Amino acid sequence: MIAVAAGLIMTMLVGWVIINTFSSIQGYWGAYNNPPVIEILSPKEGDVLNGTVEIRWIASDPDNEELIIFIDYTSDHPQLCPSCPPPTWHTIAYGIDNIGTYMWDTTKVSNGEYYIRVVASDGKTYVSKYVGIVTVNNTLT
């Protein structure tokens, strides 16, 4: 760590982050981490799901770090606004390998409309994408 009297500064220099606390500058050494990239391939918005369905995604990390995947669903609208309460997410799969596919047994949830979220984490940062709205209807034959 370095300490130097100076004015308001915040900058990044190839691994060094210098943050001014008004009375001194503190520097931290740390590698910059690029966030993962993720795309959900299926299901798609508007799909009607029943029985066991495949959730598919493509996820990668620009820093070539191993990714862990989390999959959730909610009936709450996931768009956050200042006056909106946060959605309540329910786990479909927790901490699974990034193999690009997961089989979801929709008979374990009530029929209804849901958003599905897939989260990719490299252990330092995470990125999430969601699909909405899909309809679970297990009364179909």
C-alpha atoms as a PDB file:
ATOM      1  CA  MET A   1       0.000   0.000   0.000  1.00  0.00           C
ATOM      2  CA  ILE A   2       1.192   3.541  -0.740  1.00  0.00           C
ATOM      3  CA  ALA A   3       0.071   6.734   0.956  1.00  0.00           C
ATOM      4  CA  VAL A   4       0.425  10.187  -0.624  1.00  0.00           C
ATOM      5  CA  ALA A   5      -1.338  13.477   0.134  1.00  0.00           C
ATOM      6  CA  ALA A   6      -3.279  14.625  -2.937  1.00  0.00           C
ATOM      7  CA  GLY A   7      -6.622  15.788  -4.327  1.00  0.00           C
ATOM      8  CA  LEU A   8      -9.518  13.580  -5.401  1.00  0.00           C
ATOM      9  CA  ILE A   9      -8.193  10.767  -7.639  1.00  0.00           C
ATOM     10  CA  MET A  10      -9.458   7.362  -8.707  1.00  0.00           C
ATOM     11  CA  THR A  11      -7.544   5.535 -11.395  1.00  0.00           C
ATOM     12  CA  MET A  12      -6.373   2.092 -12.445  1.00  0.00           C
ATOM     13  CA  LEU A  13      -2.831   1.402 -13.618  1.00  0.00           C
ATOM     14  CA  VAL A  14      -2.151  -2.151 -14.863  1.00  0.00           C
ATOM     15  CA  GLY A  15      -3.178  -3.861 -11.661  1.00  0.00           C
ATOM     16  CA  TRP A  16      -2.847  -0.903  -9.300  1.00  0.00           C
ATOM     17  CA  VAL A  17      -6.027   0.738  -8.078  1.00  0.00           C
ATOM     18  CA  ILE A  18      -5.470   4.102  -6.434  1.00  0.00           C
ATOM     19  CA  ILE A  19      -8.335   5.503  -4.383  1.00  0.00           C
ATOM     20  CA  ASN A  20      -8.181   8.887  -2.665  1.00  0.00           C
ATOM     21  CA  THR A  21      -9.778   9.133   0.754  1.00  0.00           C
ATOM     22  CA  PHE A  22      -9.463  12.976   0.688  1.00  0.00           C
ATOM     23  CA  SER A  23      -6.500  12.924   3.076  1.00  0.00           C
ATOM     24  CA  SER A  24      -4.349  10.239   1.473  1.00  0.00           C
ATOM     25  CA  ILE A  25      -4.153   7.962  -1.530  1.00  0.00           C
ATOM     26  CA  GLN A  26      -4.205   4.228  -0.936  1.00  0.00           C
ATOM     27  CA  GLY A  27      -3.063   1.795  -3.610  1.00  0.00           C
ATOM     28  CA  TYR A  28      -4.049  -1.836  -3.864  1.00  0.00           C
ATOM     29  CA  TRP A  29      -2.437  -4.494  -6.005  1.00  0.00           C
ATOM     30  CA  GLY A  30      -4.900  -6.855  -7.578  1.00  0.00           C
ATOM     31  CA  ALA A  31      -5.465  -8.477 -10.926  1.00  0.00           C
ATOM     32  CA  TYR A  32      -8.336  -7.086 -12.962  1.00  0.00           C
ATOM     33  CA  ASN A  33     -11.081  -9.662 -13.439  1.00  0.00           C
ATOM     34  CA  ASN A  34     -13.330  -9.728 -16.499  1.00  0.00           C
ATOM     35  CA  PRO A  35     -16.875 -10.907 -15.753  1.00  0.00           C
ATOM     36  CA  PRO A  36     -18.224 -14.105 -17.302  1.00  0.00           C
ATOM     37  CA  VAL A  37     -20.360 -14.029 -20.449  1.00  0.00           C
ATOM     38  CA  ILE A  38     -23.591 -16.025 -20.625  1.00  0.00           C
ATOM     39  CA  GLU A  39     -26.423 -16.631 -23.070  1.00  0.00           C
ATOM     40  CA  ILE A  40     -29.534 -18.735 -22.443  1.00  0.00           C
ATOM     41  CA  LEU A  41     -30.394 -20.924 -25.439  1.00  0.00           C
ATOM     42  CA  SER A  42     -33.553 -22.566 -24.095  1.00  0.00           C
ATOM     43  CA  PRO A  43     -36.233 -22.294 -23.003  1.00  0.00           C
ATOM     44  CA  LYS A  44     -37.311 -19.154 -24.817  1.00  0.00           C
ATOM     45  CA  GLU A  45     -39.787 -16.513 -23.697  1.00  0.00           C
ATOM     46  CA  GLY A  46     -43.326 -17.688 -24.426  1.00  0.00           C
ATOM     47  CA  ASP A  47     -42.511 -21.418 -24.262  1.00  0.00           C
ATOM     48  CA  VAL A  48     -44.981 -23.738 -22.542  1.00  0.00           C
ATOM     49  CA  LEU A  49     -43.135 -26.280 -20.407  1.00  0.00           C
ATOM     50  CA  ASN A  50     -44.259 -29.570 -18.927  1.00  0.00           C
ATOM     51  CA  GLY A  51     -42.592 -32.638 -17.503  1.00  0.00           C
ATOM     52  CA  THR A  52     -38.807 -32.637 -17.612  1.00  0.00           C
ATOM     53  CA  VAL A  53     -37.377 -29.894 -19.831  1.00  0.00           C
ATOM     54  CA  GLU A  54     -33.850 -29.002 -20.840  1.00  0.00           C
ATOM     55  CA  ILE A  55     -32.396 -25.651 -19.800  1.00  0.00           C
ATOM     56  CA  ARG A  56     -29.468 -24.861 -22.129  1.00  0.00           C
ATOM     57  CA  TRP A  57     -26.898 -22.078 -21.997  1.00  0.00           C
ATOM     58  CA  ILE A  58     -23.482 -21.044 -23.262  1.00  0.00           C
ATOM     59  CA  ALA A  59     -21.168 -19.491 -20.673  1.00  0.00           C
ATOM     60  CA  SER A  60     -17.513 -18.553 -20.879  1.00  0.00           C
ATOM     61  CA  ASP A  61     -14.973 -16.530 -18.988  1.00  0.00           C
ATOM     62  CA  PRO A  62     -12.648 -14.065 -20.798  1.00  0.00           C
ATOM     63  CA  ASP A  63      -9.956 -14.866 -18.200  1.00  0.00           C
ATOM     64  CA  ASN A  64     -10.354 -18.638 -18.803  1.00  0.00           C
ATOM     65  CA  GLU A  65     -11.439 -19.224 -15.206  1.00  0.00           C
ATOM     66  CA  GLU A  66     -13.668 -22.170 -14.330  1.00  0.00           C
ATOM     67  CA  LEU A  67     -17.338 -21.195 -14.035  1.00  0.00           C
ATOM     68  CA  ILE A  68     -19.969 -22.417 -11.613  1.00  0.00           C
ATOM     69  CA  ILE A  69     -23.639 -22.198 -12.659  1.00  0.00           C
ATOM     70  CA  PHE A  70     -26.761 -21.444 -10.627  1.00  0.00           C
ATOM     71  CA  ILE A  71     -30.297 -21.763 -12.055  1.00  0.00           C
ATOM     72  CA  ASP A  72     -33.380 -20.239 -10.410  1.00  0.00           C
ATOM     73  CA  TYR A  73     -37.000 -19.391 -11.146  1.00  0.00           C
ATOM     74  CA  THR A  74     -39.430 -16.762  -9.899  1.00  0.00           C
ATOM     75  CA  SER A  75     -42.997 -15.710 -10.523  1.00  0.00           C
ATOM     76  CA  ASP A  76     -42.032 -12.132  -9.552  1.00  0.00           C
ATOM     77  CA  HIS A  77     -41.002  -9.707 -12.293  1.00  0.00           C
ATOM     78  CA  PRO A  78     -37.166  -9.538 -12.117  1.00  0.00           C
ATOM     79  CA  GLN A  79     -36.847  -5.935 -13.382  1.00  0.00           C
ATOM     80  CA  LEU A  80     -35.870  -3.875 -10.373  1.00  0.00           C
ATOM     81  CA  CYS A  81     -37.072  -0.318  -9.922  1.00  0.00           C
ATOM     82  CA  PRO A  82     -36.776   2.065  -6.956  1.00  0.00           C
ATOM     83  CA  SER A  83     -40.291   1.278  -5.735  1.00  0.00           C
ATOM     84  CA  CYS A  84     -40.341  -2.450  -6.638  1.00  0.00           C
ATOM     85  CA  PRO A  85     -39.485  -5.143  -4.112  1.00  0.00           C
ATOM     86  CA  PRO A  86     -36.726  -7.518  -5.267  1.00  0.00           C
ATOM     87  CA  PRO A  87     -37.905 -10.807  -6.762  1.00  0.00           C
ATOM     88  CA  THR A  88     -37.809 -13.978  -4.694  1.00  0.00           C
ATOM     89  CA  TRP A  89     -35.746 -16.548  -6.616  1.00  0.00           C
ATOM     90  CA  HIS A  90     -36.184 -20.294  -5.998  1.00  0.00           C
ATOM     91  CA  THR A  91     -33.384 -22.753  -6.706  1.00  0.00           C
ATOM     92  CA  ILE A  92     -33.538 -25.159  -9.637  1.00  0.00           C
ATOM     93  CA  ALA A  93     -29.819 -26.055  -9.567  1.00  0.00           C
ATOM     94  CA  TYR A  94     -27.073 -24.774  -7.266  1.00  0.00           C
ATOM     95  CA  GLY A  95     -23.332 -24.691  -7.962  1.00  0.00           C
ATOM     96  CA  ILE A  96     -23.304 -27.037 -10.934  1.00  0.00           C
ATOM     97  CA  ASP A  97     -20.544 -27.457 -13.510  1.00  0.00           C
ATOM     98  CA  ASN A  98     -20.690 -25.355 -16.648  1.00  0.00           C
ATOM     99  CA  ILE A  99     -21.712 -28.166 -19.008  1.00  0.00           C
ATOM    100  CA  GLY A 100     -24.335 -26.088 -20.837  1.00  0.00           C
ATOM    101  CA  THR A 101     -27.401 -28.151 -20.002  1.00  0.00           C
ATOM    102  CA  TYR A 102     -29.610 -29.060 -17.047  1.00  0.00           C
ATOM    103  CA  MET A 103     -32.774 -31.162 -16.970  1.00  0.00           C
ATOM    104  CA  TRP A 104     -35.508 -29.434 -14.906  1.00  0.00           C
ATOM    105  CA  ASP A 105     -38.437 -31.435 -13.555  1.00  0.00           C
ATOM    106  CA  THR A 106     -41.241 -28.868 -13.839  1.00  0.00           C
ATOM    107  CA  THR A 107     -43.668 -31.167 -12.001  1.00  0.00           C
ATOM    108  CA  LYS A 108     -41.975 -29.967  -8.784  1.00  0.00           C
ATOM    109  CA  VAL A 109     -43.448 -26.450  -9.255  1.00  0.00           C
ATOM    110  CA  SER A 110     -47.036 -25.289  -9.525  1.00  0.00           C
ATOM    111  CA  ASN A 111     -48.530 -24.521 -12.926  1.00  0.00           C
ATOM    112  CA  GLY A 112     -48.054 -20.851 -13.705  1.00  0.00           C
ATOM    113  CA  GLU A 113     -45.907 -18.209 -15.368  1.00  0.00           C
ATOM    114  CA  TYR A 114     -42.233 -17.987 -14.426  1.00  0.00           C
ATOM    115  CA  TYR A 115     -38.957 -16.286 -15.225  1.00  0.00           C
ATOM    116  CA  ILE A 116     -35.871 -18.499 -15.367  1.00  0.00           C
ATOM    117  CA  ARG A 117     -32.451 -17.121 -14.451  1.00  0.00           C
ATOM    118  CA  VAL A 118     -29.046 -18.642 -15.177  1.00  0.00           C
ATOM    119  CA  VAL A 119     -26.090 -17.212 -13.232  1.00  0.00           C
ATOM    120  CA  ALA A 120     -22.422 -17.807 -14.130  1.00  0.00           C
ATOM    121  CA  SER A 121     -19.762 -17.134 -11.491  1.00  0.00           C
ATOM    122  CA  ASP A 122     -15.978 -17.303 -11.714  1.00  0.00           C
ATOM    123  CA  GLY A 123     -15.689 -16.957  -7.926  1.00  0.00           C
ATOM    124  CA  LYS A 124     -14.916 -13.226  -8.168  1.00  0.00           C
ATOM    125  CA  THR A 125     -17.763 -11.834 -10.246  1.00  0.00           C
ATOM    126  CA  TYR A 126     -21.043 -13.152 -11.579  1.00  0.00           C
ATOM    127  CA  VAL A 127     -23.355 -12.421 -14.459  1.00  0.00           C
ATOM    128  CA  SER A 128     -26.998 -13.429 -14.693  1.00  0.00           C
ATOM    129  CA  LYS A 129     -29.443 -13.607 -17.578  1.00  0.00           C
ATOM    130  CA  TYR A 130     -33.095 -14.462 -17.405  1.00  0.00           C
ATOM    131  CA  VAL A 131     -35.839 -15.717 -19.671  1.00  0.00           C
ATOM    132  CA  GLY A 132     -39.381 -14.564 -19.161  1.00  0.00           C
ATOM    133  CA  ILE A 133     -42.170 -15.440 -19.254  1.00  0.00           C
ATOM    134  CA  VAL A 134     -42.406 -19.219 -19.631  1.00  0.00           C
ATOM    135  CA  THR A 135     -45.539 -21.091 -18.679  1.00  0.00           C
ATOM    136  CA  VAL A 136     -45.414 -24.322 -16.705  1.00  0.00           C
ATOM    137  CA  ASN A 137     -48.504 -26.364 -17.502  1.00  0.00           C
ATOM    138  CA  ASN A 138     -48.313 -29.944 -16.325  1.00  0.00           C
ATOM    139  CA  THR A 139     -52.001 -30.621 -17.063  1.00  0.00           C
ATOM    140  CA  LEU A 140     -51.034 -31.045 -20.748  1.00  0.00           C
ATOM    141  CA  THR A 141     -50.839 -34.587 -22.033  1.00  0.00           C
END
